[in-house]
Protein backbone atom coordinates (compact mmCIF):
# COMPACT_ATOMS: atom_id res chain seq x y z
CA MET A 1 308.25 73.86 180.63
CA ASP A 2 305.88 72.72 177.93
CA ARG A 3 305.45 74.54 174.48
CA ASN A 4 301.89 75.23 175.31
CA ARG A 5 302.30 76.46 178.91
CA VAL A 6 305.01 78.96 177.44
CA PHE A 7 302.70 80.28 174.93
CA LEU A 8 299.95 80.43 177.53
CA VAL A 9 302.18 82.77 179.80
CA GLY A 10 302.98 85.04 177.05
CA VAL A 11 299.17 85.49 176.02
CA LEU A 12 298.38 86.14 179.80
CA LEU A 13 301.22 88.75 179.73
CA ILE A 14 300.01 90.51 176.71
CA LEU A 15 296.29 90.56 178.25
CA LEU A 16 297.60 91.81 181.71
CA GLY A 17 299.66 94.48 179.49
CA LEU A 18 296.48 95.53 177.69
CA GLN A 19 294.55 95.72 181.11
CA PHE A 20 297.30 98.15 182.54
CA ARG A 21 297.10 100.36 179.35
CA TRP A 22 293.22 100.51 179.62
CA VAL A 23 293.35 101.39 183.47
CA GLU A 24 294.61 104.97 184.40
CA SER A 25 294.75 104.56 188.17
CA VAL A 26 294.06 102.21 191.02
CA VAL A 27 292.11 103.10 194.12
CA LEU A 28 293.19 100.92 197.22
CA ASN A 29 290.60 99.87 199.78
CA GLU A 30 290.93 101.01 203.35
CA HIS A 31 292.87 98.16 204.70
CA THR A 32 295.33 98.26 201.80
CA THR A 33 295.99 102.07 202.41
CA ARG A 34 296.80 101.39 205.92
CA ALA A 35 299.00 98.49 205.27
CA LEU A 36 300.86 100.49 202.50
CA ALA A 37 301.39 103.52 204.98
CA ARG A 38 302.75 100.95 207.40
CA VAL A 39 305.08 99.33 205.22
CA THR A 40 306.57 102.62 203.81
CA ASP A 41 306.69 104.12 207.20
CA THR A 42 304.72 107.26 206.14
CA LYS A 43 302.30 108.99 208.15
CA PRO A 44 298.96 107.30 208.35
CA VAL A 45 296.05 108.68 206.45
CA ALA A 46 294.10 109.29 209.58
CA SER A 47 295.76 110.71 212.33
CA SER A 48 294.34 111.15 216.15
CA ASP A 49 293.86 114.82 216.10
CA MET A 50 290.30 116.59 216.41
CA MET A 51 289.91 117.65 212.76
CA SER A 52 290.68 114.14 211.16
CA SER A 53 288.28 112.36 213.65
CA LEU A 54 285.59 114.99 212.44
CA ILE A 55 286.55 113.95 208.86
CA MET A 56 286.54 110.34 209.67
CA GLN A 57 283.00 110.66 210.84
CA VAL A 58 282.03 112.08 207.41
CA TYR A 59 284.50 110.01 205.13
CA PRO A 60 285.13 106.72 207.34
CA ASN A 61 287.10 104.99 204.50
CA PRO A 62 290.57 106.76 203.65
CA LYS A 63 291.59 105.41 200.26
CA LYS A 64 294.72 105.93 198.33
CA HIS A 65 294.94 106.78 194.64
CA VAL A 66 297.75 105.14 192.71
CA PRO A 67 298.52 106.37 189.15
CA LEU A 68 299.88 103.79 186.83
CA PRO A 69 302.66 104.63 184.62
CA ARG A 70 301.89 103.98 180.89
CA TRP A 71 305.34 102.25 180.24
CA ILE A 72 304.21 99.17 182.55
CA GLY A 73 301.50 98.16 180.12
CA LEU A 74 303.97 98.56 177.13
CA ALA A 75 306.65 96.46 178.75
CA LEU A 76 304.23 93.66 179.67
CA ILE A 77 302.80 93.44 176.06
CA ALA A 78 306.31 93.66 174.75
CA ILE A 79 307.55 90.71 177.09
CA GLY A 80 304.39 88.67 176.45
CA ALA A 81 305.01 89.04 172.81
CA VAL A 82 308.57 87.83 173.07
CA VAL A 83 307.50 84.87 175.39
CA SER A 84 304.66 83.76 172.89
CA LEU A 85 307.06 83.99 169.83
CA HIS A 86 309.68 82.00 171.80
CA ALA A 87 306.89 79.29 172.63
CA TYR A 88 307.06 78.63 168.68
CA THR A 89 310.86 77.84 168.85
CA ILE A 90 310.62 75.20 171.55
CA PRO A 91 310.41 71.62 170.19
CA LYS A 92 307.20 69.79 170.56
CA ARG A 93 307.16 66.88 173.06
CA ASN A 94 306.64 63.55 171.61
């Protein structure tokens, strides 16, 4: 890869890490929540009993709240800094 592209990847990782540090949690939409329940083989958010059908009429979109660990942002910032600094050691192309 080119020196400039490696530097760009590093800067993007730093910015993504900052974004993860600023966001505390993510709320998934209905489609993603159902797909996550299907993939992880957990019970779907809405079952077919009478109580959940009444609740679904009031709150039609089941959404999952995913808290983000703080270490992910720090790890992305650290990796981005290392990659950005490594870009300076790559020789320039003639």
